[in-house]
Amino acid sequence: MDLKGVLVIVCLCALAITSTDAGIPKCCIRTRNISVRQLVKVVRWERQDSRGVCDIDALRLYQKGKPIPICAHPQVEVFIKKLRDKMPWLQQQKTKRN
């Protein structure tokens, strides 16, 4: 195989790895207790399902100004929704960001 063929294969492999995040899912491996002060700072959240690639059910909470999510128990989602209903300014803050 000549040098051009090797270079093409290396470039295609690099493209495949970077476009798929190397096939490694971002899963929570454990959950932790969350304070109300931390819940107020939540900008968005995502559910993690144990029926897929990840091992546990969890809720990934993204806070304002922090790139790494906090992993919480899925029941925390109920508290977040109640908190947003009681404090409408939090709902407005979320819609401004999106």
PDB file of N, CA and C in Angstrom:
ATOM      1  N   MET A   1       0.848  -1.157   0.000  1.00  0.00           N
ATOM      2  CA  MET A   1       0.000   0.000   0.000  1.00  0.00           C
ATOM      3  C   MET A   1       0.901   1.231   0.000  1.00  0.00           C
ATOM      4  N   ASP A   2       0.581   2.169  -0.814  1.00  0.00           N
ATOM      5  CA  ASP A   2       1.427   3.356  -0.892  1.00  0.00           C
ATOM      6  C   ASP A   2       1.067   4.364   0.199  1.00  0.00           C
ATOM      7  N   LEU A   3       1.827   5.408   0.299  1.00  0.00           N
ATOM      8  CA  LEU A   3       1.687   6.403   1.352  1.00  0.00           C
ATOM      9  C   LEU A   3       0.350   7.146   1.267  1.00  0.00           C
ATOM     10  N   LYS A   4      -0.143   7.405   0.065  1.00  0.00           N
ATOM     11  CA  LYS A   4      -1.419   8.089  -0.097  1.00  0.00           C
ATOM     12  C   LYS A   4      -2.566   7.245   0.471  1.00  0.00           C
ATOM     13  N   GLY A   5      -2.533   5.958   0.223  1.00  0.00           N
ATOM     14  CA  GLY A   5      -3.575   5.056   0.735  1.00  0.00           C
ATOM     15  C   GLY A   5      -3.584   5.011   2.255  1.00  0.00           C
ATOM     16  N   VAL A   6      -2.417   4.956   2.845  1.00  0.00           N
ATOM     17  CA  VAL A   6      -2.315   4.941   4.307  1.00  0.00           C
ATOM     18  C   VAL A   6      -2.822   6.261   4.886  1.00  0.00           C
ATOM     19  N   LEU A   7      -2.460   7.367   4.242  1.00  0.00           N
ATOM     20  CA  LEU A   7      -2.896   8.683   4.708  1.00  0.00           C
ATOM     21  C   LEU A   7      -4.418   8.818   4.640  1.00  0.00           C
ATOM     22  N   VAL A   8      -5.023   8.321   3.583  1.00  0.00           N
ATOM     23  CA  VAL A   8      -6.489   8.370   3.437  1.00  0.00           C
ATOM     24  C   VAL A   8      -7.153   7.546   4.527  1.00  0.00           C
ATOM     25  N   ILE A   9      -6.633   6.368   4.793  1.00  0.00           N
ATOM     26  CA  ILE A   9      -7.215   5.503   5.835  1.00  0.00           C
ATOM     27  C   ILE A   9      -7.090   6.153   7.211  1.00  0.00           C
ATOM     28  N   VAL A  10      -5.945   6.746   7.501  1.00  0.00           N
ATOM     29  CA  VAL A  10      -5.750   7.414   8.792  1.00  0.00           C
ATOM     30  C   VAL A  10      -6.710   8.595   8.937  1.00  0.00           C
ATOM     31  N   CYS A  11      -6.878   9.369   7.886  1.00  0.00           N
ATOM     32  CA  CYS A  11      -7.791  10.513   7.932  1.00  0.00           C
ATOM     33  C   CYS A  11      -9.236  10.057   8.136  1.00  0.00           C
ATOM     34  N   LEU A  12      -9.652   9.010   7.451  1.00  0.00           N
ATOM     35  CA  LEU A  12     -11.011   8.495   7.613  1.00  0.00           C
ATOM     36  C   LEU A  12     -11.245   7.954   9.023  1.00  0.00           C
ATOM     37  N   CYS A  13     -10.251   7.283   9.575  1.00  0.00           N
ATOM     38  CA  CYS A  13     -10.372   6.778  10.954  1.00  0.00           C
ATOM     39  C   CYS A  13     -10.475   7.932  11.948  1.00  0.00           C
ATOM     40  N   ALA A  14      -9.656   8.954  11.745  1.00  0.00           N
ATOM     41  CA  ALA A  14      -9.695  10.115  12.640  1.00  0.00           C
ATOM     42  C   ALA A  14     -11.050  10.818  12.548  1.00  0.00           C
ATOM     43  N   LEU A  15     -11.592  10.925  11.352  1.00  0.00           N
ATOM     44  CA  LEU A  15     -12.901  11.544  11.160  1.00  0.00           C
ATOM     45  C   LEU A  15     -13.996  10.728  11.843  1.00  0.00           C
ATOM     46  N   ALA A  16     -13.941   9.420  11.718  1.00  0.00           N
ATOM     47  CA  ALA A  16     -14.943   8.558  12.335  1.00  0.00           C
ATOM     48  C   ALA A  16     -14.892   8.649  13.854  1.00  0.00           C
ATOM     49  N   ILE A  17     -13.704   8.692  14.413  1.00  0.00           N
ATOM     50  CA  ILE A  17     -13.561   8.749  15.871  1.00  0.00           C
ATOM     51  C   ILE A  17     -14.044  10.090  16.417  1.00  0.00           C
ATOM     52  N   THR A  18     -13.695  11.192  15.771  1.00  0.00           N
ATOM     53  CA  THR A  18     -14.093  12.507  16.284  1.00  0.00           C
ATOM     54  C   THR A  18     -15.571  12.779  16.075  1.00  0.00           C
ATOM     55  N   SER A  19     -16.170  12.268  15.027  1.00  0.00           N
ATOM     56  CA  SER A  19     -17.584  12.547  14.778  1.00  0.00           C
ATOM     57  C   SER A  19     -18.504  11.717  15.661  1.00  0.00           C
ATOM     58  N   THR A  20     -18.044  10.600  16.189  1.00  0.00           N
ATOM     59  CA  THR A  20     -18.896   9.758  17.033  1.00  0.00           C
ATOM     60  C   THR A  20     -18.495   9.801  18.503  1.00  0.00           C
ATOM     61  N   ASP A  21     -17.650  10.733  18.896  1.00  0.00           N
ATOM     62  CA  ASP A  21     -17.125  10.786  20.267  1.00  0.00           C
ATOM     63  C   ASP A  21     -16.507   9.464  20.669  1.00  0.00           C
ATOM     64  N   ALA A  22     -15.895   8.799  19.752  1.00  0.00           N
ATOM     65  CA  ALA A  22     -15.207   7.528  19.947  1.00  0.00           C
ATOM     66  C   ALA A  22     -16.136   6.424  20.421  1.00  0.00           C
ATOM     67  N   GLY A  23     -17.436   6.612  20.289  1.00  0.00           N
ATOM     68  CA  GLY A  23     -18.393   5.584  20.656  1.00  0.00           C
ATOM     69  C   GLY A  23     -18.535   5.369  22.145  1.00  0.00           C
ATOM     70  N   ILE A  24     -18.002   6.267  22.955  1.00  0.00           N
ATOM     71  CA  ILE A  24     -18.080   6.129  24.402  1.00  0.00           C
ATOM     72  C   ILE A  24     -19.237   6.991  24.904  1.00  0.00           C
ATOM     73  N   PRO A  25     -20.268   6.375  25.475  1.00  0.00           N
ATOM     74  CA  PRO A  25     -21.398   7.162  25.967  1.00  0.00           C
ATOM     75  C   PRO A  25     -21.044   7.907  27.252  1.00  0.00           C
ATOM     76  N   LYS A  26     -21.726   9.003  27.468  1.00  0.00           N
ATOM     77  CA  LYS A  26     -21.519   9.777  28.695  1.00  0.00           C
ATOM     78  C   LYS A  26     -22.595   9.363  29.686  1.00  0.00           C
ATOM     79  N   CYS A  27     -22.241   8.440  30.570  1.00  0.00           N
ATOM     80  CA  CYS A  27     -23.190   7.884  31.528  1.00  0.00           C
ATOM     81  C   CYS A  27     -22.835   8.288  32.956  1.00  0.00           C
ATOM     82  N   CYS A  28     -23.875   8.428  33.770  1.00  0.00           N
ATOM     83  CA  CYS A  28     -23.673   8.596  35.211  1.00  0.00           C
ATOM     84  C   CYS A  28     -23.411   7.219  35.797  1.00  0.00           C
ATOM     85  N   ILE A  29     -22.431   7.133  36.668  1.00  0.00           N
ATOM     86  CA  ILE A  29     -22.143   5.840  37.294  1.00  0.00           C
ATOM     87  C   ILE A  29     -22.685   5.772  38.711  1.00  0.00           C
ATOM     88  N   ARG A  30     -23.051   6.935  39.270  1.00  0.00           N
ATOM     89  CA  ARG A  30     -23.698   6.965  40.576  1.00  0.00           C
ATOM     90  C   ARG A  30     -24.464   8.273  40.697  1.00  0.00           C
ATOM     91  N   THR A  31     -25.423   8.304  41.611  1.00  0.00           N
ATOM     92  CA  THR A  31     -26.204   9.518  41.836  1.00  0.00           C
ATOM     93  C   THR A  31     -25.851  10.083  43.203  1.00  0.00           C
ATOM     94  N   ARG A  32     -26.161  11.344  43.393  1.00  0.00           N
ATOM     95  CA  ARG A  32     -25.882  11.974  44.679  1.00  0.00           C
ATOM     96  C   ARG A  32     -27.042  12.872  45.085  1.00  0.00           C
ATOM     97  N   ASN A  33     -27.074  13.229  46.347  1.00  0.00           N
ATOM     98  CA  ASN A  33     -28.118  14.107  46.861  1.00  0.00           C
ATOM     99  C   ASN A  33     -27.866  15.531  46.376  1.00  0.00           C
ATOM    100  N   ILE A  34     -28.946  16.229  46.057  1.00  0.00           N
ATOM    101  CA  ILE A  34     -28.853  17.580  45.523  1.00  0.00           C
ATOM    102  C   ILE A  34     -29.591  18.522  46.471  1.00  0.00           C
ATOM    103  N   SER A  35     -28.984  19.651  46.789  1.00  0.00           N
ATOM    104  CA  SER A  35     -29.635  20.640  47.658  1.00  0.00           C
ATOM    105  C   SER A  35     -30.557  21.526  46.813  1.00  0.00           C
ATOM    106  N   VAL A  36     -31.462  22.206  47.490  1.00  0.00           N
ATOM    107  CA  VAL A  36     -32.385  23.119  46.800  1.00  0.00           C
ATOM    108  C   VAL A  36     -31.602  24.249  46.145  1.00  0.00           C
ATOM    109  N   ARG A  37     -30.538  24.689  46.782  1.00  0.00           N
ATOM    110  CA  ARG A  37     -29.699  25.748  46.215  1.00  0.00           C
ATOM    111  C   ARG A  37     -29.121  25.325  44.862  1.00  0.00           C
ATOM    112  N   GLN A  38     -28.739  24.049  44.753  1.00  0.00           N
ATOM    113  CA  GLN A  38     -28.220  23.551  43.484  1.00  0.00           C
ATOM    114  C   GLN A  38     -29.340  23.391  42.459  1.00  0.00           C
ATOM    115  N   LEU A  39     -30.530  23.001  42.913  1.00  0.00           N
ATOM    116  CA  LEU A  39     -31.655  22.831  41.991  1.00  0.00           C
ATOM    117  C   LEU A  39     -32.064  24.149  41.348  1.00  0.00           C
ATOM    118  N   VAL A  40     -31.929  25.247  42.083  1.00  0.00           N
ATOM    119  CA  VAL A  40     -32.285  26.559  41.544  1.00  0.00           C
ATOM    120  C   VAL A  40     -31.366  26.923  40.382  1.00  0.00           C
ATOM    121  N   LYS A  41     -30.140  26.456  40.399  1.00  0.00           N
ATOM    122  CA  LYS A  41     -29.159  26.789  39.367  1.00  0.00           C
ATOM    123  C   LYS A  41     -29.264  25.904  38.119  1.00  0.00           C
ATOM    124  N   VAL A  42     -30.152  24.909  38.134  1.00  0.00           N
ATOM    125  CA  VAL A  42     -30.269  23.990  37.010  1.00  0.00           C
ATOM    126  C   VAL A  42     -30.850  24.719  35.803  1.00  0.00           C
ATOM    127  N   VAL A  43     -30.156  24.610  34.680  1.00  0.00           N
ATOM    128  CA  VAL A  43     -30.589  25.237  33.439  1.00  0.00           C
ATOM    129  C   VAL A  43     -31.358  24.239  32.569  1.00  0.00           C
ATOM    130  N   ARG A  44     -30.864  23.004  32.520  1.00  0.00           N
ATOM    131  CA  ARG A  44     -31.540  21.949  31.764  1.00  0.00           C
ATOM    132  C   ARG A  44     -31.170  20.604  32.364  1.00  0.00           C
ATOM    133  N   TRP A  45     -31.928  19.580  31.984  1.00  0.00           N
ATOM    134  CA  TRP A  45     -31.660  18.232  32.481  1.00  0.00           C
ATOM    135  C   TRP A  45     -31.990  17.207  31.417  1.00  0.00           C
ATOM    136  N   GLU A  46     -31.372  16.048  31.550  1.00  0.00           N
ATOM    137  CA  GLU A  46     -31.591  14.930  30.625  1.00  0.00           C
ATOM    138  C   GLU A  46     -31.762  13.655  31.426  1.00  0.00           C
ATOM    139  N   ARG A  47     -32.664  12.797  30.966  1.00  0.00           N
ATOM    140  CA  ARG A  47     -32.871  11.504  31.610  1.00  0.00           C
ATOM    141  C   ARG A  47     -31.899  10.488  31.029  1.00  0.00           C
ATOM    142  N   GLN A  48     -31.370   9.661  31.900  1.00  0.00           N
ATOM    143  CA  GLN A  48     -30.510   8.547  31.491  1.00  0.00           C
ATOM    144  C   GLN A  48     -31.267   7.266  31.817  1.00  0.00           C
ATOM    145  N   ASP A  49     -31.375   6.391  30.840  1.00  0.00           N
ATOM    146  CA  ASP A  49     -32.163   5.178  30.996  1.00  0.00           C
ATOM    147  C   ASP A  49     -31.254   3.963  31.124  1.00  0.00           C
ATOM    148  N   SER A  50     -31.572   3.083  32.037  1.00  0.00           N
ATOM    149  CA  SER A  50     -30.742   1.886  32.243  1.00  0.00           C
ATOM    150  C   SER A  50     -30.990   0.817  31.180  1.00  0.00           C
ATOM    151  N   ARG A  51     -32.035   0.974  30.385  1.00  0.00           N
ATOM    152  CA  ARG A  51     -32.308  -0.022  29.340  1.00  0.00           C
ATOM    153  C   ARG A  51     -31.411   0.161  28.119  1.00  0.00           C
ATOM    154  N   GLY A  52     -30.685   1.248  28.078  1.00  0.00           N
ATOM    155  CA  GLY A  52     -29.793   1.500  26.952  1.00  0.00           C
ATOM    156  C   GLY A  52     -28.365   1.100  27.275  1.00  0.00           C
ATOM    157  N   VAL A  53     -27.447   1.962  26.944  1.00  0.00           N
ATOM    158  CA  VAL A  53     -26.033   1.705  27.126  1.00  0.00           C
ATOM    159  C   VAL A  53     -25.612   1.867  28.586  1.00  0.00           C
ATOM    160  N   CYS A  54     -26.250   2.781  29.292  1.00  0.00           N
ATOM    161  CA  CYS A  54     -25.859   3.092  30.673  1.00  0.00           C
ATOM    162  C   CYS A  54     -26.418   2.063  31.654  1.00  0.00           C
ATOM    163  N   ASP A  55     -25.748   1.937  32.807  1.00  0.00           N
ATOM    164  CA  ASP A  55     -26.098   0.910  33.782  1.00  0.00           C
ATOM    165  C   ASP A  55     -27.207   1.313  34.743  1.00  0.00           C
ATOM    166  N   ILE A  56     -27.357   2.602  35.038  1.00  0.00           N
ATOM    167  CA  ILE A  56     -28.343   3.026  36.030  1.00  0.00           C
ATOM    168  C   ILE A  56     -29.279   4.084  35.457  1.00  0.00           C
ATOM    169  N   ASP A  57     -30.470   4.186  36.071  1.00  0.00           N
ATOM    170  CA  ASP A  57     -31.369   5.294  35.765  1.00  0.00           C
ATOM    171  C   ASP A  57     -30.854   6.506  36.522  1.00  0.00           C
ATOM    172  N   ALA A  58     -30.778   7.635  35.848  1.00  0.00           N
ATOM    173  CA  ALA A  58     -30.285   8.853  36.502  1.00  0.00           C
ATOM    174  C   ALA A  58     -30.826  10.069  35.766  1.00  0.00           C
ATOM    175  N   LEU A  59     -30.632  11.199  36.380  1.00  0.00           N
ATOM    176  CA  LEU A  59     -30.999  12.475  35.805  1.00  0.00           C
ATOM    177  C   LEU A  59     -29.737  13.319  35.758  1.00  0.00           C
ATOM    178  N   ARG A  60     -29.318  13.725  34.561  1.00  0.00           N
ATOM    179  CA  ARG A  60     -28.136  14.576  34.419  1.00  0.00           C
ATOM    180  C   ARG A  60     -28.584  16.034  34.469  1.00  0.00           C
ATOM    181  N   LEU A  61     -28.110  16.749  35.484  1.00  0.00           N
ATOM    182  CA  LEU A  61     -28.494  18.142  35.693  1.00  0.00           C
ATOM    183  C   LEU A  61     -27.358  19.056  35.263  1.00  0.00           C
ATOM    184  N   TYR A  62     -27.671  19.990  34.387  1.00  0.00           N
ATOM    185  CA  TYR A  62     -26.685  20.961  33.917  1.00  0.00           C
ATOM    186  C   TYR A  62     -26.962  22.291  34.611  1.00  0.00           C
ATOM    187  N   GLN A  63     -25.952  22.805  35.316  1.00  0.00           N
ATOM    188  CA  GLN A  63     -26.095  24.046  36.048  1.00  0.00           C
ATOM    189  C   GLN A  63     -25.480  25.202  35.276  1.00  0.00           C
ATOM    190  N   LYS A  64     -25.961  26.383  35.586  1.00  0.00           N
ATOM    191  CA  LYS A  64     -25.459  27.589  34.945  1.00  0.00           C
ATOM    192  C   LYS A  64     -23.975  27.769  35.249  1.00  0.00           C
ATOM    193  N   GLY A  65     -23.159  27.881  34.227  1.00  0.00           N
ATOM    194  CA  GLY A  65     -21.734  28.134  34.390  1.00  0.00           C
ATOM    195  C   GLY A  65     -20.881  26.900  34.634  1.00  0.00           C
ATOM    196  N   LYS A  66     -21.474  25.716  34.644  1.00  0.00           N
ATOM    197  CA  LYS A  66     -20.703  24.491  34.871  1.00  0.00           C
ATOM    198  C   LYS A  66     -20.905  23.537  33.689  1.00  0.00           C
ATOM    199  N   PRO A  67     -19.810  23.135  33.030  1.00  0.00           N
ATOM    200  CA  PRO A  67     -19.943  22.270  31.855  1.00  0.00           C
ATOM    201  C   PRO A  67     -20.209  20.800  32.188  1.00  0.00           C
ATOM    202  N   ILE A  68     -19.850  20.378  33.393  1.00  0.00           N
ATOM    203  CA  ILE A  68     -20.005  18.972  33.766  1.00  0.00           C
ATOM    204  C   ILE A  68     -21.325  18.795  34.503  1.00  0.00           C
ATOM    205  N   PRO A  69     -22.149  17.843  34.083  1.00  0.00           N
ATOM    206  CA  PRO A  69     -23.444  17.657  34.745  1.00  0.00           C
ATOM    207  C   PRO A  69     -23.310  16.976  36.108  1.00  0.00           C
ATOM    208  N   ILE A  70     -24.337  17.183  36.932  1.00  0.00           N
ATOM    209  CA  ILE A  70     -24.455  16.502  38.210  1.00  0.00           C
ATOM    210  C   ILE A  70     -25.434  15.356  38.008  1.00  0.00           C
ATOM    211  N   CYS A  71     -25.112  14.198  38.527  1.00  0.00           N
ATOM    212  CA  CYS A  71     -25.983  13.034  38.395  1.00  0.00           C
ATOM    213  C   CYS A  71     -26.859  12.914  39.631  1.00  0.00           C
ATOM    214  N   ALA A  72     -28.168  12.882  39.419  1.00  0.00           N
ATOM    215  CA  ALA A  72     -29.111  12.801  40.523  1.00  0.00           C
ATOM    216  C   ALA A  72     -30.082  11.651  40.280  1.00  0.00           C
ATOM    217  N   HIS A  73     -30.815  11.294  41.319  1.00  0.00           N
ATOM    218  CA  HIS A  73     -31.829  10.249  41.209  1.00  0.00           C
ATOM    219  C   HIS A  73     -32.958  10.776  40.312  1.00  0.00           C
ATOM    220  N   PRO A  74     -33.586   9.921  39.500  1.00  0.00           N
ATOM    221  CA  PRO A  74     -34.638  10.378  38.590  1.00  0.00           C
ATOM    222  C   PRO A  74     -35.829  11.043  39.281  1.00  0.00           C
ATOM    223  N   GLN A  75     -36.070  10.742  40.548  1.00  0.00           N
ATOM    224  CA  GLN A  75     -37.186  11.364  41.264  1.00  0.00           C
ATOM    225  C   GLN A  75     -36.968  12.856  41.484  1.00  0.00           C
ATOM    226  N   VAL A  76     -35.756  13.330  41.334  1.00  0.00           N
ATOM    227  CA  VAL A  76     -35.459  14.757  41.503  1.00  0.00           C
ATOM    228  C   VAL A  76     -36.175  15.583  40.433  1.00  0.00           C
ATOM    229  N   GLU A  77     -36.491  14.970  39.302  1.00  0.00           N
ATOM    230  CA  GLU A  77     -37.177  15.686  38.225  1.00  0.00           C
ATOM    231  C   GLU A  77     -38.513  16.248  38.701  1.00  0.00           C
ATOM    232  N   VAL A  78     -39.205  15.534  39.554  1.00  0.00           N
ATOM    233  CA  VAL A  78     -40.485  16.000  40.109  1.00  0.00           C
ATOM    234  C   VAL A  78     -40.260  17.282  40.909  1.00  0.00           C
ATOM    235  N   PHE A  79     -39.210  17.311  41.722  1.00  0.00           N
ATOM    236  CA  PHE A  79     -38.917  18.494  42.529  1.00  0.00           C
ATOM    237  C   PHE A  79     -38.527  19.678  41.657  1.00  0.00           C
ATOM    238  N   ILE A  80     -37.794  19.422  40.587  1.00  0.00           N
ATOM    239  CA  ILE A  80     -37.401  20.504  39.677  1.00  0.00           C
ATOM    240  C   ILE A  80     -38.631  21.127  39.041  1.00  0.00           C
ATOM    241  N   LYS A  81     -39.560  20.293  38.585  1.00  0.00           N
ATOM    242  CA  LYS A  81     -40.772  20.806  37.946  1.00  0.00           C
ATOM    243  C   LYS A  81     -41.626  21.588  38.942  1.00  0.00           C
ATOM    244  N   LYS A  82     -41.737  21.105  40.182  1.00  0.00           N
ATOM    245  CA  LYS A  82     -42.488  21.834  41.200  1.00  0.00           C
ATOM    246  C   LYS A  82     -41.817  23.160  41.516  1.00  0.00           C
ATOM    247  N   LEU A  83     -40.504  23.163  41.584  1.00  0.00           N
ATOM    248  CA  LEU A  83     -39.756  24.378  41.856  1.00  0.00           C
ATOM    249  C   LEU A  83     -39.965  25.395  40.741  1.00  0.00           C
ATOM    250  N   ARG A  84     -39.974  24.947  39.520  1.00  0.00           N
ATOM    251  CA  ARG A  84     -40.197  25.851  38.377  1.00  0.00           C
ATOM    252  C   ARG A  84     -41.611  26.412  38.384  1.00  0.00           C
ATOM    253  N   ASP A  85     -42.597  25.601  38.835  1.00  0.00           N
ATOM    254  CA  ASP A  85     -43.975  26.097  38.910  1.00  0.00           C
ATOM    255  C   ASP A  85     -44.140  27.150  40.006  1.00  0.00           C
ATOM    256  N   LYS A  86     -43.436  26.964  41.133  1.00  0.00           N
ATOM    257  CA  LYS A  86     -43.559  27.900  42.247  1.00  0.00           C
ATOM    258  C   LYS A  86     -42.759  29.175  42.027  1.00  0.00           C
ATOM    259  N   MET A  87     -41.710  29.099  41.241  1.00  0.00           N
ATOM    260  CA  MET A  87     -40.864  30.266  40.998  1.00  0.00           C
ATOM    261  C   MET A  87     -40.839  30.547  39.498  1.00  0.00           C
ATOM    262  N   PRO A  88     -41.794  31.336  39.014  1.00  0.00           N
ATOM    263  CA  PRO A  88     -41.888  31.560  37.554  1.00  0.00           C
ATOM    264  C   PRO A  88     -40.666  32.239  36.949  1.00  0.00           C
ATOM    265  N   TRP A  89     -39.917  32.982  37.745  1.00  0.00           N
ATOM    266  CA  TRP A  89     -38.725  33.632  37.191  1.00  0.00           C
ATOM    267  C   TRP A  89     -37.680  32.619  36.771  1.00  0.00           C
ATOM    268  N   LEU A  90     -37.682  31.419  37.369  1.00  0.00           N
ATOM    269  CA  LEU A  90     -36.763  30.376  36.938  1.00  0.00           C
ATOM    270  C   LEU A  90     -37.143  29.876  35.547  1.00  0.00           C
ATOM    271  N   GLN A  91     -38.435  29.778  35.298  1.00  0.00           N
ATOM    272  CA  GLN A  91     -38.908  29.332  33.976  1.00  0.00           C
ATOM    273  C   GLN A  91     -38.502  30.349  32.919  1.00  0.00           C
ATOM    274  N   GLN A  92     -38.621  31.647  33.248  1.00  0.00           N
ATOM    275  CA  GLN A  92     -38.219  32.679  32.299  1.00  0.00           C
ATOM    276  C   GLN A  92     -36.723  32.631  32.033  1.00  0.00           C
ATOM    277  N   GLN A  93     -35.961  32.361  33.063  1.00  0.00           N
ATOM    278  CA  GLN A  93     -34.512  32.267  32.911  1.00  0.00           C
ATOM    279  C   GLN A  93     -34.161  31.117  31.966  1.00  0.00           C
ATOM    280  N   LYS A  94     -34.876  30.007  32.056  1.00  0.00           N
ATOM    281  CA  LYS A  94     -34.613  28.861  31.194  1.00  0.00           C
ATOM    282  C   LYS A  94     -34.955  29.186  29.746  1.00  0.00           C
ATOM    283  N   THR A  95     -36.085  29.862  29.506  1.00  0.00           N
ATOM    284  CA  THR A  95     -36.489  30.161  28.129  1.00  0.00           C
ATOM    285  C   THR A  95     -35.577  31.208  27.496  1.00  0.00           C
ATOM    286  N   LYS A  96     -35.008  32.103  28.278  1.00  0.00           N
ATOM    287  CA  LYS A  96     -34.076  33.088  27.711  1.00  0.00           C
ATOM    288  C   LYS A  96     -32.835  32.418  27.163  1.00  0.00           C
ATOM    289  N   ARG A  97     -32.388  31.389  27.851  1.00  0.00           N
ATOM    290  CA  ARG A  97     -31.155  30.710  27.461  1.00  0.00           C
ATOM    291  C   ARG A  97     -31.325  29.909  26.181  1.00  0.00           C
ATOM    292  N   ASN A  98     -32.487  29.374  25.954  1.00  0.00           N
ATOM    293  CA  ASN A  98     -32.702  28.538  24.764  1.00  0.00           C
ATOM    294  C   ASN A  98     -33.031  29.333  23.594  1.00  0.00           C
TER     295      ASN A  98
END
